């Protein structure tokens, strides 16, 4: 039986797709698993800020469309790239075991006064500026290898990337410092790989589902969905295994609220109430 996995074509995305394929082959030896690279809006335009390309999901929309159209049988996503709610007709059939969800500073071993740091993430920008308003945060897009190269070409002091991607690509030596989630709350789903299928076909990939990763990531996604944030707003949630840490902030880091809780919806309500209190 042929199972076609859709994936972005970047080196990291294909590495993750191969990881998913290997696990599926081990769980279901009868499967002939193939990988279908798909170009997304976020891949086609690597210069504009995400807000000028479209809503959250710029790295998944075309892959989801291929899944709904039957051109692929399952999609492999970085869970952090997905929208916080499932697209109509689709479901996450499995999450692979999560890699380190933390953000990583590459190029320095600590954040220092006045540094030039590259990132395209408004979530990272807001939290970095909250740590130290003297920082100069410069926009930086591209895949992992491109951003590491641009760091050197532009003479940046450091860039911030997901630790998980660097580990999976064998570039862990680039990590100078891993941020505690209390300093930089990670994106919901960061470090996790999601296998998305058409609703009702979850059994196709269910054999590789990692229950603890699902529990944590689904709680993070539920919290962010209830807040209503995404790539265009500094909103984040991270589950440490015991409770959730939620974040909402202004883009310039001048105001930032972190709260903890065990219920995703109640935590979202607390964060939204903190915003309302400022109005």
Protein backbone atom coordinates (compact mmCIF):
# COMPACT_ATOMS: atom_id res chain seq x y z
CA UNK A 1 0.00 0.00 0.00
CA UNK A 2 1.37 3.38 -1.04
CA UNK A 3 1.21 6.22 1.48
CA UNK A 4 2.13 9.64 0.09
CA UNK A 5 3.44 12.10 2.67
CA UNK A 6 3.26 15.78 1.72
CA UNK A 7 5.97 18.05 3.07
CA UNK A 8 7.64 21.39 2.49
CA UNK A 9 10.82 21.05 0.48
CA UNK A 10 13.30 22.62 2.90
CA UNK A 11 16.10 20.47 4.30
CA UNK A 12 14.56 20.54 7.76
CA UNK A 13 11.06 19.72 6.50
CA UNK A 14 12.34 16.80 4.44
CA UNK A 15 14.40 15.56 7.39
CA UNK A 16 11.25 15.56 9.49
CA UNK A 17 9.29 13.86 6.71
CA UNK A 18 11.91 11.11 6.53
CA UNK A 19 11.67 10.71 10.29
CA UNK A 20 7.91 10.29 9.98
CA UNK A 21 8.31 7.88 7.07
CA UNK A 22 10.75 5.71 9.02
CA UNK A 23 8.40 5.50 12.00
CA UNK A 24 5.44 4.65 9.78
CA UNK A 25 7.39 1.90 8.01
CA UNK A 26 8.38 0.43 11.36
CA UNK A 27 4.81 0.55 12.67
CA UNK A 28 3.23 -0.68 9.44
CA UNK A 29 5.70 -2.75 7.36
CA UNK A 30 3.10 -3.23 4.61
CA UNK A 31 3.28 0.47 3.74
CA UNK A 32 5.31 1.84 0.83
CA UNK A 33 5.88 5.38 2.08
CA UNK A 34 6.86 8.12 -0.36
CA UNK A 35 7.47 11.85 0.19
CA UNK A 36 5.92 14.53 -2.01
CA UNK A 37 7.60 17.97 -1.69
CA UNK A 38 5.15 20.89 -1.90
CA UNK A 39 5.99 24.59 -2.15
CA UNK A 40 4.03 26.88 0.17
CA UNK A 41 3.39 30.62 0.15
CA UNK A 42 5.97 31.06 2.90
CA UNK A 43 8.56 29.26 0.76
CA UNK A 44 7.85 31.28 -2.38
CA UNK A 45 8.30 34.65 -0.69
CA UNK A 46 11.24 34.68 1.72
CA UNK A 47 11.63 38.45 2.03
CA UNK A 48 8.28 39.92 3.16
CA UNK A 49 7.19 39.81 6.80
CA UNK A 50 4.65 37.04 7.45
CA UNK A 51 1.90 39.62 7.93
CA UNK A 52 2.30 40.76 4.31
CA UNK A 53 2.10 37.20 2.94
CA UNK A 54 -1.07 36.11 4.72
CA UNK A 55 -2.50 34.75 7.92
CA UNK A 56 -0.89 32.19 10.19
CA UNK A 57 -0.48 28.96 8.21
CA UNK A 58 1.65 30.33 5.36
CA UNK A 59 3.75 27.15 5.55
CA UNK A 60 0.85 24.68 5.59
CA UNK A 61 -2.04 25.95 3.43
CA UNK A 62 -0.95 24.44 0.11
CA UNK A 63 -0.11 21.13 1.78
CA UNK A 64 -3.54 21.02 3.40
CA UNK A 65 -5.15 21.76 0.04
CA UNK A 66 -3.24 18.84 -1.53
CA UNK A 67 -4.44 16.58 1.31
CA UNK A 68 -8.06 17.62 0.90
CA UNK A 69 -7.81 17.12 -2.88
CA UNK A 70 -6.41 13.60 -2.46
CA UNK A 71 -3.04 14.34 -4.05
CA UNK A 72 -1.34 13.16 -0.84
CA UNK A 73 -2.49 10.79 1.92
CA UNK A 74 -0.99 12.56 4.94
CA UNK A 75 0.86 15.81 5.63
CA UNK A 76 3.97 16.33 7.75
CA UNK A 77 4.13 19.70 9.48
CA UNK A 78 6.17 21.41 12.12
CA UNK A 79 3.34 21.71 14.64
CA UNK A 80 4.27 25.34 15.37
CA UNK A 81 3.50 26.25 11.74
CA UNK A 82 -0.08 25.01 11.93
CA UNK A 83 -3.08 27.14 12.73
CA UNK A 84 -4.28 26.74 16.30
CA UNK A 85 -7.49 25.06 15.08
CA UNK A 86 -7.72 22.24 12.55
CA UNK A 87 -8.76 23.11 9.00
CA UNK A 88 -12.24 21.87 8.07
CA UNK A 89 -12.14 18.22 7.06
CA UNK A 90 -8.66 17.59 8.51
CA UNK A 91 -7.30 16.24 11.79
CA UNK A 92 -3.93 15.57 13.41
CA UNK A 93 -3.65 11.78 13.37
CA UNK A 94 -0.31 11.62 15.16
CA UNK A 95 2.41 13.64 16.84
CA UNK A 96 5.94 12.28 16.83
CA UNK A 97 7.93 12.45 20.11
CA UNK A 98 8.81 16.07 20.76
CA UNK A 99 12.34 17.42 20.47
CA UNK A 100 13.59 20.31 22.66
CA UNK A 101 10.86 23.00 22.41
CA UNK A 102 13.07 25.89 23.55
CA UNK A 103 14.34 28.84 21.53
CA UNK A 104 18.09 28.92 20.94
CA UNK A 105 20.50 31.86 20.69
CA UNK A 106 23.00 31.22 17.90
CA UNK A 107 26.18 33.29 17.71
CA UNK A 108 26.52 34.18 21.39
CA UNK A 109 26.25 32.47 24.77
CA UNK A 110 24.06 35.15 26.35
CA UNK A 111 21.98 38.21 25.52
CA UNK A 112 24.03 41.36 26.11
CA UNK A 113 23.19 45.06 26.13
CA UNK A 114 22.82 46.59 22.65
CA UNK A 115 23.19 43.38 20.63
CA UNK A 116 21.89 43.12 17.07
CA UNK A 117 19.72 40.00 16.95
CA UNK A 118 17.96 38.59 13.90
CA UNK A 119 14.48 37.04 13.92
CA UNK A 120 11.28 37.27 11.86
CA UNK A 121 9.09 36.21 14.81
CA UNK A 122 7.01 38.90 16.54
CA UNK A 123 6.78 36.54 19.54
CA UNK A 124 10.57 36.40 19.88
CA UNK A 125 10.95 40.11 19.16
CA UNK A 126 8.51 41.12 21.91
CA UNK A 127 10.09 38.89 24.53
CA UNK A 128 13.66 39.83 23.64
CA UNK A 129 12.84 43.53 23.91
CA UNK A 130 11.12 42.86 27.24
CA UNK A 131 14.37 41.27 28.43
CA UNK A 132 16.44 44.23 27.26
CA UNK A 133 14.95 47.24 25.42
CA UNK A 134 18.42 48.22 24.16
CA UNK A 135 18.51 45.26 21.79
CA UNK A 136 18.25 45.93 18.07
CA UNK A 137 15.98 43.27 16.58
CA UNK A 138 16.43 42.92 12.82
CA UNK A 139 14.11 41.00 10.46
CA UNK A 140 15.59 37.74 9.24
CA UNK A 141 13.82 35.12 7.13
CA UNK A 142 14.81 31.94 5.31
CA UNK A 143 15.43 28.32 6.20
CA UNK A 144 17.83 27.38 9.01
CA UNK A 145 20.94 27.25 6.83
CA UNK A 146 20.05 30.53 5.11
CA UNK A 147 19.53 32.35 8.40
CA UNK A 148 22.81 31.08 9.81
CA UNK A 149 24.58 32.30 6.67
CA UNK A 150 22.84 35.69 6.77
CA UNK A 151 23.86 36.09 10.42
CA UNK A 152 27.50 36.09 9.32
CA UNK A 153 26.97 38.08 6.12
CA UNK A 154 25.13 40.88 7.93
CA UNK A 155 27.42 40.88 10.94
CA UNK A 156 24.63 40.18 13.40
CA UNK A 157 25.66 39.41 16.97
CA UNK A 158 23.23 36.50 17.12
CA UNK A 159 20.01 35.04 15.76
CA UNK A 160 17.25 33.09 17.47
CA UNK A 161 16.11 29.73 16.07
CA UNK A 162 14.17 26.75 17.38
CA UNK A 163 16.55 24.38 19.14
CA UNK A 164 14.64 21.39 17.74
CA UNK A 165 15.41 22.25 14.13
CA UNK A 166 19.11 22.68 14.83
CA UNK A 167 19.23 19.32 16.62
CA UNK A 168 17.41 17.52 13.81
CA UNK A 169 19.73 19.02 11.20
CA UNK A 170 22.88 18.13 13.13
CA UNK A 171 23.69 21.81 13.72
CA UNK A 172 23.48 21.70 17.51
CA UNK A 173 26.98 23.16 17.76
CA UNK A 174 25.49 26.50 16.62
CA UNK A 175 23.55 26.80 19.88
CA UNK A 176 25.23 29.17 22.31
CA UNK A 177 22.35 29.43 24.75
CA UNK A 178 18.94 27.79 25.20
CA UNK A 179 16.35 30.18 26.62
CA UNK A 180 14.37 29.06 29.63
CA UNK A 181 10.66 29.11 28.68
CA UNK A 182 10.18 31.64 31.48
CA UNK A 183 12.35 34.05 29.45
CA UNK A 184 11.10 33.23 25.96
CA UNK A 185 7.84 31.30 25.96
CA UNK A 186 8.04 28.98 22.93
CA UNK A 187 5.53 28.93 20.10
CA UNK A 188 2.65 26.50 20.66
CA UNK A 189 3.76 23.15 19.25
CA UNK A 190 7.41 24.11 18.86
CA UNK A 191 9.64 21.04 18.63
CA UNK A 192 6.79 18.71 17.65
CA UNK A 193 6.10 17.11 14.25
CA UNK A 194 2.42 16.64 13.37
CA UNK A 195 1.00 14.13 10.89
CA UNK A 196 -2.22 15.52 9.48
CA UNK A 197 -4.82 13.39 7.69
CA UNK A 198 -8.34 13.72 6.37
CA UNK A 199 -10.93 13.54 9.17
CA UNK A 200 -11.97 9.94 9.69
CA UNK A 201 -8.64 8.55 8.45
CA UNK A 202 -6.68 8.97 11.68
CA UNK A 203 -6.03 5.21 11.86
CA UNK A 204 -3.65 5.55 8.90
CA UNK A 205 -0.98 7.12 11.13
CA UNK A 206 -2.27 6.50 14.66
CA UNK A 207 0.31 3.79 15.29
CA UNK A 208 3.10 6.39 15.57
CA UNK A 209 1.25 8.82 17.83
CA UNK A 210 3.13 9.86 20.97
CA UNK A 211 0.48 10.37 23.66
CA UNK A 212 2.45 12.73 25.93
CA UNK A 213 3.44 15.01 23.05
CA UNK A 214 -0.20 15.08 21.93
CA UNK A 215 -1.38 15.99 25.43
CA UNK A 216 1.00 18.92 25.74
CA UNK A 217 0.75 20.28 22.20
CA UNK A 218 -3.05 20.07 22.05
CA UNK A 219 -3.25 22.02 25.31
CA UNK A 220 -0.92 24.69 23.89
CA UNK A 221 -2.91 24.94 20.66
CA UNK A 222 -6.20 25.16 22.56
CA UNK A 223 -4.90 28.03 24.68
CA UNK A 224 -3.66 30.00 21.67
CA UNK A 225 -6.89 29.32 19.77
CA UNK A 226 -8.94 30.67 22.68
CA UNK A 227 -6.80 33.81 22.82
CA UNK A 228 -7.15 34.24 19.07
CA UNK A 229 -3.47 34.86 18.36
CA UNK A 230 -1.09 33.56 15.75
CA UNK A 231 1.98 34.49 13.77
CA UNK A 232 0.78 38.10 13.57
CA UNK A 233 0.51 38.60 17.33
CA UNK A 234 2.92 38.00 20.22
CA UNK A 235 0.94 35.11 21.73
CA UNK A 236 2.42 31.81 22.92
CA UNK A 237 1.81 28.80 25.14
CA UNK A 238 4.10 26.11 26.50
CA UNK A 239 3.24 22.99 28.52
CA UNK A 240 6.02 21.70 30.76
CA UNK A 241 4.27 18.44 31.60
CA UNK A 242 2.58 19.80 34.71
CA UNK A 243 1.01 23.10 33.68
CA UNK A 244 0.74 25.63 30.90
CA UNK A 245 2.64 28.89 30.64
CA UNK A 246 0.82 31.43 28.48
CA UNK A 247 2.00 34.72 27.00
CA UNK A 248 0.42 37.78 25.47
CA UNK A 249 2.38 40.94 24.70
CA UNK A 250 2.80 44.07 22.66
CA UNK A 251 5.15 43.79 19.69
CA UNK A 252 7.65 46.25 21.14
CA UNK A 253 7.86 44.33 24.41
CA UNK A 254 6.74 47.39 26.39
CA UNK A 255 3.95 45.34 27.92
CA UNK A 256 4.00 41.61 28.46
CA UNK A 257 1.87 39.26 30.53
CA UNK A 258 2.74 35.68 31.46
CA UNK A 259 0.34 33.48 33.39
CA UNK A 260 0.33 29.82 34.48
CA UNK A 261 -2.54 27.37 34.73
CA UNK A 262 -3.71 23.84 34.07
CA UNK A 263 -6.80 24.57 31.98
CA UNK A 264 -6.09 26.02 28.50
CA UNK A 265 -9.37 27.93 28.23
CA UNK A 266 -9.21 29.36 31.75
CA UNK A 267 -5.62 30.46 31.13
CA UNK A 268 -6.64 32.14 27.89
CA UNK A 269 -9.43 33.98 29.73
CA UNK A 270 -6.93 35.23 32.31
CA UNK A 271 -4.61 36.56 29.63
CA UNK A 272 -7.45 38.24 27.75
CA UNK A 273 -8.66 39.79 31.01
CA UNK A 274 -5.17 41.21 31.53
CA UNK A 275 -5.41 42.86 28.11
CA UNK A 276 -8.88 44.22 28.84
CA UNK A 277 -7.66 45.68 32.12
CA UNK A 278 -5.23 47.87 30.23
CA UNK A 279 -7.89 49.37 27.96
